[in-house]
Amino acid sequence: MQPLGEASRPLVALHGVARYFDVSRPWLNRVVERVPRQLLKAVDDVSFEIRCGETLALVGESGCGKSTVARLIVGLYRATRGHIEFNGEKQRPNASIWSAEVQRRMQMIFQDPYASLNPRWRVADIVAEPMRAHRSGARPAQIRDRSAALLTQVGLSADDGRKYPHEFSGGQRQRISIARALSSEPQFLACDEPTSALDVSVQAQILNLMKELQERLGLTYLFISHNLAVVSQVATRVGVMYMGRLVELADATTLFSHPRHPYTRMLLDAIPDLEMSGRPRTPVAGEVANPLDPPPGCAFHPRCPYANARCRIEIPVLKAYDGRTLAACHAVEERRLRG
C-alpha cells in the first residue's frame, strides 16, 4: 500500500483538458459545397484528480468521452487544450508525450481481451513485452521467471505461458491482459471497461482479482464502466460524464445515496431493482444529442425535466455542495432540484 503521507496526494491531475477530433469532409468537398470544418468535441474542459491508492470510476452513456479521457492520460491521444500531470510531471509537447519513467509507471487494460492480445505471440512473450521495453538490462532468465510469476499471480499457471491467446476463455484472456499490465511494475492502471465483455460470474472473479492486486501492490485505478452496479463495488469516487463534460463528481457512498445531477439520477434509476423499493423516479425522455451539433447551454437540457431558460443559454460549471459533491447543474445551484 502507499505510505500514509501519500494517500491524499494526487497521482494524476487533469486541468481543463479537451480533445477535439477533426471529422470534416475532404477539403475539395468543403470548397465545392461551401461547408465549414467539423470538430467533434469528445472531451471538453475536464478537470479532476486521482489520489494515490484510490479507484476513480468514470460512468456515462456511450460516446460521453470516458475512454477518450483514459487514452489522454496514458498518452495514446494528445490533448487539444489543457494539460495532464502524473505525480507532478506534466505531459511534454514533443513526440513522446510522457517520459520513459512515467510510461513505465502507467499501463492500460482494454475492454476486449480478444482484440488486445497479439494472436501470433505466445502468452509468455505477451506478458514479457513491457519488461523488454522498459527494463533493457534484464536478462532473459529474469524476464522468463517474472512472466511465470505474473501468470501465477493473476490465477493462471506458469505453463500457460507456452500457449497462444486463442487457447483461453475470455476471463482467462483478461487475466493475461492484467498480467501484461503489471509486467512493468506500474503505479497507475487505466481500466477501460475491463469486465463488460465477460459473463457475470467471470466479471466478479476479475473484479475480486483487481481489488486484491490493488491492496497488495498499492495500485491506483481509473475504472471506466457503463455498469453502475459494478462501479458501486469497486470505486472510491465516481465521476459522471455527459457529452464530453464532467457533470458530477463525488465519493461513491455519497453519489449512490444522494445523487444531485438529474443525469446521475437517470443513470441510477436505470439500475435493475429487484426489491422494487418504491422510490419515486422521474423519467427522462429523449436521446443523446448529436455531438457534432450539441445544444447550446447545458447539453443535457433537452432531456432534463428541470430545465429552464438559463439552462438553454448558459453552460453550468462544477460547483461544490456540502463539501462532498461537485455538480454542474443550474437546477441544483438554484435549489430547484433538491437532494
Protein backbone atom coordinates (compact mmCIF):
# COMPACT_ATOMS: atom_id res chain seq x y z
CA MET A 1 0.00 0.00 0.00
CA GLN A 2 1.00 3.64 -0.42
CA PRO A 3 2.65 5.38 2.56
CA LEU A 4 0.15 7.25 4.70
CA GLY A 5 1.55 10.63 3.70
CA GLU A 6 0.94 9.89 0.02
CA ALA A 7 -2.70 8.85 0.40
CA SER A 8 -4.07 12.36 -0.14
CA ARG A 9 -1.55 13.39 -2.82
CA PRO A 10 -2.93 13.42 -6.37
CA LEU A 11 -1.13 10.94 -8.58
CA VAL A 12 -2.98 12.03 -11.74
CA ALA A 13 -4.38 15.52 -12.31
CA LEU A 14 -6.30 16.86 -15.31
CA HIS A 15 -6.55 20.63 -15.75
CA GLY A 16 -9.11 21.92 -18.26
CA VAL A 17 -8.38 19.05 -20.65
CA ALA A 18 -10.10 18.96 -24.04
CA ARG A 19 -9.72 16.68 -27.04
CA TYR A 20 -11.27 17.58 -30.40
CA PHE A 21 -11.31 15.35 -33.47
CA ASP A 22 -11.49 16.80 -36.97
CA VAL A 23 -14.24 14.84 -38.72
CA SER A 24 -14.60 17.23 -41.66
CA ARG A 25 -15.28 16.08 -45.17
CA PRO A 26 -12.35 16.23 -47.65
CA TRP A 27 -11.07 19.73 -48.44
CA LEU A 28 -12.32 19.76 -52.04
CA ASN A 29 -15.83 18.72 -50.98
CA ARG A 30 -15.93 21.51 -48.41
CA VAL A 31 -14.86 24.07 -51.01
CA VAL A 32 -17.39 22.92 -53.61
CA GLU A 33 -20.26 22.60 -51.13
CA ARG A 34 -19.17 25.65 -49.09
CA VAL A 35 -19.36 23.91 -45.76
CA PRO A 36 -17.05 24.61 -42.78
CA ARG A 37 -14.82 22.17 -40.94
CA GLN A 38 -16.49 19.96 -38.35
CA LEU A 39 -14.93 19.30 -34.96
CA LEU A 40 -16.11 16.56 -32.64
CA LYS A 41 -15.59 17.66 -29.03
CA ALA A 42 -15.01 14.24 -27.48
CA VAL A 43 -13.71 15.76 -24.22
CA ASP A 44 -14.32 19.38 -23.33
CA ASP A 45 -12.83 21.17 -20.30
CA VAL A 46 -12.47 18.21 -17.92
CA SER A 47 -10.65 18.65 -14.62
CA PHE A 48 -10.22 16.15 -11.78
CA GLU A 49 -7.61 14.43 -9.64
CA ILE A 50 -6.93 10.80 -8.78
CA ARG A 51 -5.25 10.27 -5.43
CA CYS A 52 -2.70 7.56 -4.74
CA GLY A 53 -4.26 4.21 -3.93
CA GLU A 54 -7.85 5.07 -4.82
CA THR A 55 -10.20 3.96 -7.58
CA LEU A 56 -11.89 6.74 -9.52
CA ALA A 57 -14.68 5.46 -11.76
CA LEU A 58 -15.97 7.32 -14.81
CA VAL A 59 -19.51 6.46 -15.89
CA GLY A 60 -21.90 7.65 -18.56
CA GLU A 61 -23.61 6.61 -21.76
CA SER A 62 -21.67 5.52 -24.84
CA GLY A 63 -19.90 8.40 -26.55
CA CYS A 64 -19.64 10.62 -23.47
CA GLY A 65 -15.82 10.69 -23.59
CA LYS A 66 -14.86 8.22 -20.85
CA SER A 67 -12.48 6.12 -22.94
CA THR A 68 -11.00 9.22 -24.55
CA VAL A 69 -10.08 10.52 -21.09
CA ALA A 70 -8.26 7.25 -20.34
CA ARG A 71 -6.35 7.41 -23.63
CA LEU A 72 -5.42 11.03 -22.98
CA ILE A 73 -3.99 10.16 -19.58
CA VAL A 74 -1.80 7.29 -20.78
CA GLY A 75 -0.65 9.27 -23.82
CA LEU A 76 -2.41 7.47 -26.66
CA TYR A 77 -4.06 10.79 -27.54
CA ARG A 78 -2.65 14.28 -27.23
CA ALA A 79 -4.81 16.93 -25.54
CA THR A 80 -6.14 19.71 -27.76
CA ARG A 81 -6.24 22.05 -24.77
CA GLY A 82 -5.29 21.90 -21.12
CA HIS A 83 -2.66 19.65 -19.57
CA ILE A 84 -2.30 16.44 -17.55
CA GLU A 85 0.11 15.77 -14.70
CA PHE A 86 1.38 12.46 -13.36
CA ASN A 87 3.00 12.64 -9.94
CA GLY A 88 3.72 16.33 -10.59
CA GLU A 89 5.23 15.81 -14.07
CA LYS A 90 3.40 17.43 -16.98
CA GLN A 91 2.89 15.87 -20.39
CA ARG A 92 5.50 17.06 -22.87
CA PRO A 93 4.74 18.93 -26.11
CA ASN A 94 7.11 16.86 -28.24
CA ALA A 95 6.55 13.50 -29.92
CA SER A 96 6.91 11.45 -26.72
CA ILE A 97 4.12 12.78 -24.51
CA TRP A 98 5.45 11.13 -21.33
CA SER A 99 8.99 10.40 -20.22
CA ALA A 100 10.12 6.76 -20.28
CA GLU A 101 9.80 6.50 -16.50
CA VAL A 102 6.20 7.76 -16.48
CA GLN A 103 5.33 5.42 -19.35
CA ARG A 104 6.60 2.53 -17.25
CA ARG A 105 4.53 3.57 -14.25
CA MET A 106 1.17 3.72 -16.09
CA GLN A 107 -0.49 0.97 -18.10
CA MET A 108 -3.90 0.31 -19.62
CA ILE A 109 -6.28 -2.65 -19.57
CA PHE A 110 -8.53 -2.63 -22.63
CA GLN A 111 -12.16 -3.61 -22.94
CA ASP A 112 -11.93 -6.54 -25.34
CA PRO A 113 -9.48 -9.28 -24.30
CA TYR A 114 -9.99 -10.95 -27.68
CA ALA A 115 -8.63 -7.91 -29.55
CA SER A 116 -6.00 -6.59 -27.15
CA LEU A 117 -3.67 -9.63 -27.30
CA ASN A 118 -1.47 -10.47 -30.29
CA PRO A 119 -2.79 -13.83 -31.58
CA ARG A 120 0.61 -14.74 -33.08
CA TRP A 121 2.56 -14.42 -29.83
CA ARG A 122 2.81 -16.90 -27.01
CA VAL A 123 1.42 -15.70 -23.70
CA ALA A 124 4.87 -15.56 -22.09
CA ASP A 125 6.06 -13.17 -24.80
CA ILE A 126 2.93 -11.01 -24.46
CA VAL A 127 3.44 -10.65 -20.70
CA ALA A 128 7.17 -10.02 -21.14
CA GLU A 129 6.80 -7.29 -23.76
CA PRO A 130 6.61 -4.32 -21.29
CA MET A 131 9.64 -5.71 -19.42
CA ARG A 132 11.69 -5.83 -22.59
CA ALA A 133 10.62 -2.28 -23.43
CA HIS A 134 11.29 -0.72 -20.02
CA ARG A 135 13.98 -2.95 -18.48
CA SER A 136 16.64 -3.20 -21.16
CA GLY A 137 19.20 -4.57 -18.71
CA ALA A 138 17.12 -7.56 -17.63
CA ARG A 139 18.46 -10.98 -18.57
CA PRO A 140 16.26 -13.46 -20.50
CA ALA A 141 16.10 -15.79 -17.50
CA GLN A 142 14.88 -12.95 -15.27
CA ILE A 143 12.20 -11.98 -17.78
CA ARG A 144 11.09 -15.60 -18.13
CA ASP A 145 10.82 -16.07 -14.35
CA ARG A 146 9.00 -12.78 -13.93
CA SER A 147 6.46 -13.71 -16.64
CA ALA A 148 5.78 -17.03 -14.93
CA ALA A 149 5.33 -15.32 -11.56
CA LEU A 150 2.89 -12.79 -13.03
CA LEU A 151 0.76 -15.51 -14.61
CA THR A 152 0.60 -17.26 -11.26
CA GLN A 153 -0.27 -14.00 -9.54
CA VAL A 154 -3.36 -13.48 -11.71
CA GLY A 155 -4.63 -17.03 -11.19
CA LEU A 156 -3.11 -18.84 -14.18
CA SER A 157 -0.35 -21.42 -14.43
CA ALA A 158 3.25 -20.75 -15.37
CA ASP A 159 2.86 -23.45 -18.02
CA ASP A 160 0.19 -21.31 -19.70
CA GLY A 161 3.00 -19.11 -20.98
CA ARG A 162 3.67 -21.60 -23.75
CA LYS A 163 0.12 -21.30 -25.13
CA TYR A 164 -1.44 -18.83 -27.54
CA PRO A 165 -4.34 -16.44 -26.68
CA HIS A 166 -6.91 -18.42 -28.70
CA GLU A 167 -6.50 -21.34 -26.31
CA PHE A 168 -8.05 -19.40 -23.41
CA SER A 169 -11.53 -18.26 -22.41
CA GLY A 170 -12.50 -14.60 -22.23
CA GLY A 171 -11.91 -14.36 -18.49
CA GLN A 172 -8.51 -16.04 -18.79
CA ARG A 173 -7.52 -13.65 -21.58
CA GLN A 174 -8.38 -10.70 -19.39
CA ARG A 175 -6.18 -12.18 -16.67
CA ILE A 176 -3.37 -12.30 -19.24
CA SER A 177 -4.06 -8.63 -20.04
CA ILE A 178 -3.79 -7.80 -16.34
CA ALA A 179 -0.53 -9.74 -16.06
CA ARG A 180 0.86 -7.82 -19.04
CA ALA A 181 -0.20 -4.51 -17.46
CA LEU A 182 1.59 -5.45 -14.22
CA SER A 183 4.73 -6.51 -16.06
CA SER A 184 6.39 -3.08 -15.91
CA GLU A 185 5.55 -2.67 -12.19
CA PRO A 186 3.17 0.25 -12.76
CA GLN A 187 1.66 2.55 -10.18
CA PHE A 188 -1.44 3.53 -12.17
CA LEU A 189 -3.80 1.45 -14.33
CA ALA A 190 -6.42 2.86 -16.68
CA CYS A 191 -9.09 0.16 -16.93
CA ASP A 192 -11.37 0.71 -19.93
CA GLU A 193 -14.45 -1.40 -19.17
CA PRO A 194 -12.32 -4.45 -18.32
CA THR A 195 -15.31 -6.67 -17.46
CA SER A 196 -18.01 -5.59 -19.93
CA ALA A 197 -17.20 -8.36 -22.45
CA LEU A 198 -17.34 -11.10 -19.81
CA ASP A 199 -20.05 -13.24 -18.25
CA VAL A 200 -21.43 -12.05 -14.92
CA SER A 201 -19.73 -14.77 -12.86
CA VAL A 202 -16.41 -14.12 -14.60
CA GLN A 203 -16.85 -10.38 -14.05
CA ALA A 204 -16.97 -10.97 -10.29
CA GLN A 205 -13.78 -13.03 -10.43
CA ILE A 206 -11.89 -10.35 -12.37
CA LEU A 207 -13.13 -7.57 -10.07
CA ASN A 208 -12.08 -9.52 -6.99
CA LEU A 209 -8.68 -10.08 -8.57
CA MET A 210 -8.26 -6.39 -9.32
CA LYS A 211 -9.23 -5.39 -5.77
CA GLU A 212 -6.81 -7.94 -4.34
CA LEU A 213 -3.98 -6.69 -6.54
CA GLN A 214 -4.75 -3.09 -5.59
CA GLU A 215 -4.48 -3.88 -1.88
CA ARG A 216 -1.33 -5.96 -2.31
CA LEU A 217 0.55 -3.70 -4.74
CA GLY A 218 -0.83 -0.27 -3.81
CA LEU A 219 -2.22 0.38 -7.29
CA THR A 220 -4.25 3.40 -8.35
CA TYR A 221 -7.12 2.80 -10.79
CA LEU A 222 -9.12 4.81 -13.28
CA PHE A 223 -12.08 2.48 -13.79
CA ILE A 224 -14.37 3.11 -16.77
CA SER A 225 -17.72 1.35 -16.91
CA HIS A 226 -21.34 1.54 -18.02
CA ASN A 227 -22.37 -0.74 -15.18
CA LEU A 228 -23.15 1.28 -12.05
CA ALA A 229 -23.73 -1.91 -10.06
CA VAL A 230 -20.09 -2.84 -10.73
CA VAL A 231 -18.89 0.69 -10.00
CA SER A 232 -20.60 0.68 -6.60
CA GLN A 233 -18.47 -2.33 -5.62
CA VAL A 234 -15.05 -1.10 -6.73
CA ALA A 235 -14.98 2.71 -6.76
CA THR A 236 -13.71 5.09 -4.12
CA ARG A 237 -15.06 8.10 -6.03
CA VAL A 238 -17.29 8.35 -9.08
CA GLY A 239 -17.32 10.91 -11.89
CA VAL A 240 -20.32 11.17 -14.21
CA MET A 241 -19.72 12.37 -17.78
CA TYR A 242 -22.19 13.62 -20.37
CA MET A 243 -21.23 14.70 -23.91
CA GLY A 244 -17.58 15.26 -23.08
CA ARG A 245 -18.07 17.10 -19.79
CA LEU A 246 -17.92 16.08 -16.17
CA VAL A 247 -21.35 16.80 -14.65
CA GLU A 248 -20.93 15.29 -11.17
CA LEU A 249 -18.07 14.04 -9.00
CA ALA A 250 -18.41 12.61 -5.50
CA ASP A 251 -17.29 9.77 -3.30
CA ALA A 252 -19.11 6.55 -4.16
CA THR A 253 -21.21 6.39 -1.00
CA THR A 254 -22.47 9.95 -1.40
CA LEU A 255 -23.19 9.66 -5.11
CA PHE A 256 -25.22 6.46 -4.79
CA SER A 257 -27.16 7.64 -1.74
CA HIS A 258 -27.63 11.34 -2.59
CA PRO A 259 -27.15 11.97 -6.34
CA ARG A 260 -27.55 15.62 -7.30
CA HIS A 261 -27.41 15.96 -11.07
CA PRO A 262 -30.56 14.89 -12.99
CA TYR A 263 -28.43 12.82 -15.35
CA THR A 264 -26.87 10.93 -12.44
CA ARG A 265 -30.35 10.22 -11.11
CA MET A 266 -31.39 8.92 -14.52
CA LEU A 267 -28.43 6.52 -14.59
CA LEU A 268 -29.18 5.27 -11.08
CA ASP A 269 -32.85 4.79 -11.93
CA ALA A 270 -31.78 2.51 -14.78
CA ILE A 271 -30.18 0.02 -12.36
CA PRO A 272 -32.47 -3.05 -12.04
CA ASP A 273 -34.22 -3.03 -8.67
CA LEU A 274 -35.48 -6.49 -7.72
CA GLU A 275 -36.87 -5.27 -4.42
CA MET A 276 -38.96 -2.56 -6.11
CA SER A 277 -38.18 -0.09 -3.36
CA GLY A 278 -40.97 2.25 -4.43
CA ARG A 279 -38.67 5.27 -4.58
CA PRO A 280 -40.25 7.93 -6.83
CA ARG A 281 -38.49 8.08 -10.19
CA THR A 282 -38.66 10.92 -12.68
CA PRO A 283 -38.47 9.55 -16.23
CA VAL A 284 -36.03 11.30 -18.55
CA ALA A 285 -37.05 11.13 -22.19
CA GLY A 286 -35.10 11.74 -25.35
CA GLU A 287 -31.81 10.61 -26.81
CA VAL A 288 -28.25 11.89 -26.57
CA ALA A 289 -27.83 14.92 -28.81
CA ASN A 290 -25.71 14.87 -31.94
CA PRO A 291 -22.13 15.52 -30.71
CA LEU A 292 -21.37 17.33 -33.98
CA ASP A 293 -24.19 19.77 -33.25
CA PRO A 294 -24.56 19.96 -29.47
CA PRO A 295 -27.36 22.06 -27.98
CA PRO A 296 -26.47 25.48 -26.54
CA GLY A 297 -26.16 25.93 -22.81
CA CYS A 298 -26.34 22.76 -20.74
CA ALA A 299 -26.01 19.81 -23.12
CA PHE A 300 -28.47 17.81 -21.01
CA HIS A 301 -31.27 20.39 -21.07
CA PRO A 302 -33.28 18.80 -23.96
CA ARG A 303 -33.74 15.70 -21.80
CA CYS A 304 -33.96 17.33 -18.36
CA PRO A 305 -37.38 17.80 -16.72
CA TYR A 306 -35.95 20.60 -14.55
CA ALA A 307 -34.51 22.76 -17.36
CA ASN A 308 -35.40 26.44 -17.61
CA ALA A 309 -34.37 29.36 -19.82
CA ARG A 310 -30.97 29.69 -18.15
CA CYS A 311 -30.18 26.04 -18.86
CA ARG A 312 -30.78 26.63 -22.57
CA ILE A 313 -28.28 29.50 -22.72
CA GLU A 314 -25.54 29.15 -20.09
CA ILE A 315 -23.15 26.21 -19.69
CA PRO A 316 -23.07 25.19 -16.00
CA VAL A 317 -19.75 24.83 -14.20
CA LEU A 318 -18.78 22.36 -11.50
CA LYS A 319 -19.50 23.73 -8.03
CA ALA A 320 -19.04 22.16 -4.61
CA TYR A 321 -22.05 21.22 -2.48
CA ASP A 322 -21.83 20.15 1.18
CA GLY A 323 -18.08 19.75 0.75
CA ARG A 324 -18.60 16.27 -0.72
CA THR A 325 -20.10 16.64 -4.18
CA LEU A 326 -19.18 18.61 -7.29
CA ALA A 327 -22.09 19.14 -9.68
CA ALA A 328 -22.58 21.19 -12.84
CA CYS A 329 -26.29 21.97 -12.81
CA HIS A 330 -28.25 25.23 -12.68
CA ALA A 331 -31.22 23.46 -11.08
CA VAL A 332 -29.05 22.26 -8.21
CA GLU A 333 -27.41 25.68 -7.84
CA GLU A 334 -30.79 27.44 -7.74
CA ARG A 335 -32.23 24.77 -5.40
CA ARG A 336 -34.93 23.84 -7.87
CA LEU A 337 -33.69 20.27 -7.53
CA ARG A 338 -33.00 19.10 -4.02
CA GLY A 339 -31.23 16.01 -2.76
